[in-house]
Amino acid sequence: NAHNFPLDLAAGEAPVTNG
C-alpha cells in the first residue's frame, strides 16, 4: 500500500497520513 491513512488501517499497515 501507499500508506493512505483510512485504507491502510484495514490493511494492517501503519497509519501514515499521505493526503
Protein backbone atom coordinates (compact mmCIF):
# COMPACT_ATOMS: atom_id res chain seq x y z
CA ASN A 1 0.00 0.00 0.00
CA ALA A 2 0.97 3.63 -0.45
CA HIS A 3 0.16 4.32 3.21
CA ASN A 4 -3.16 6.07 2.88
CA PHE A 5 -4.39 6.60 6.42
CA PRO A 6 -8.02 5.36 6.26
CA LEU A 7 -7.23 2.46 3.94
CA ASP A 8 -4.02 1.19 5.48
CA LEU A 9 -5.68 0.68 8.85
CA ALA A 10 -7.86 -2.01 7.30
CA ALA A 11 -4.86 -3.49 5.52
CA GLY A 12 -2.96 -3.72 8.79
CA GLU A 13 -0.32 -1.12 7.98
CA ALA A 14 0.99 1.86 9.93
CA PRO A 15 -1.35 4.88 9.87
CA VAL A 16 0.93 7.22 7.93
CA THR A 17 -1.26 10.03 6.65
CA ASN A 18 -0.48 10.60 3.00
CA GLY A 19 -3.04 13.20 1.99
